[in-house]
Structure formats: C-alpha cells, structure tokens
C-alpha cells in the first residue's frame, strides 16, 4: 500500500523517470498516469 511521501520508481513493470514520465513507444515518453488509464481500458 502506498503511503504519503512514497516514491514510485516502477509501475506495471515500467520504469518511472525522475520527471514522472514512462516510455510509451520507443524514444517517446508520456506521463506515468497513462499506465493507469491504459489498465482501466483493458478492464472494460
């Protein structure tokens, strides 16, 4: 469980960069919240 002041380094197997981005496609990055949106779409 996440607690206040925890730092996420990886989410769903993807490294989270210090600027809060993850690799989306080769040489393209997007905000790490994209992973949550992507997962929610898979559940529908």
Protein backbone atom coordinates (compact mmCIF):
# COMPACT_ATOMS: atom_id res chain seq x y z
CA UNK A 1 0.00 0.00 0.00
CA UNK A 2 1.28 3.45 -0.86
CA UNK A 3 1.84 5.89 1.93
CA UNK A 4 2.41 9.62 1.96
CA UNK A 5 5.90 10.54 0.71
CA UNK A 6 6.44 7.16 -1.01
CA UNK A 7 8.32 7.44 -4.28
CA UNK A 8 7.29 5.31 -7.24
CA UNK A 9 10.22 4.03 -9.27
CA UNK A 10 8.38 1.47 -11.36
CA UNK A 11 4.74 0.82 -12.23
CA UNK A 12 3.44 -2.27 -14.04
CA UNK A 13 7.00 -3.20 -15.00
CA UNK A 14 7.81 0.21 -16.49
CA UNK A 15 10.48 2.48 -15.03
CA UNK A 16 9.24 5.89 -13.93
CA UNK A 17 11.74 8.63 -14.73
CA UNK A 18 12.54 11.43 -12.28
CA UNK A 19 10.28 13.76 -14.28
CA UNK A 20 7.27 11.43 -13.84
CA UNK A 21 7.31 10.00 -17.35
CA UNK A 22 7.40 6.44 -18.67
CA UNK A 23 8.41 5.13 -22.06
CA UNK A 24 5.29 4.97 -24.22
CA UNK A 25 6.82 3.91 -27.51
CA UNK A 26 10.47 3.59 -28.46
CA UNK A 27 12.01 7.03 -27.83
CA UNK A 28 8.63 8.51 -26.81
CA UNK A 29 7.62 9.29 -23.25
CA UNK A 30 4.34 10.15 -21.57
CA UNK A 31 3.10 10.88 -18.05
CA UNK A 32 3.10 7.80 -15.81
CA UNK A 33 -0.65 8.20 -15.24
CA UNK A 34 -1.02 6.84 -18.76
CA UNK A 35 -0.35 3.35 -17.33
CA UNK A 36 -3.42 3.62 -15.09
CA UNK A 37 -5.57 4.82 -17.97
CA UNK A 38 -4.26 2.01 -20.16
CA UNK A 39 -5.05 -0.60 -17.48
CA UNK A 40 -8.57 0.76 -16.98
CA UNK A 41 -9.23 0.46 -20.72
CA UNK A 42 -8.10 -3.18 -20.64
CA UNK A 43 -10.63 -3.98 -17.90
CA UNK A 44 -13.62 -2.82 -19.96
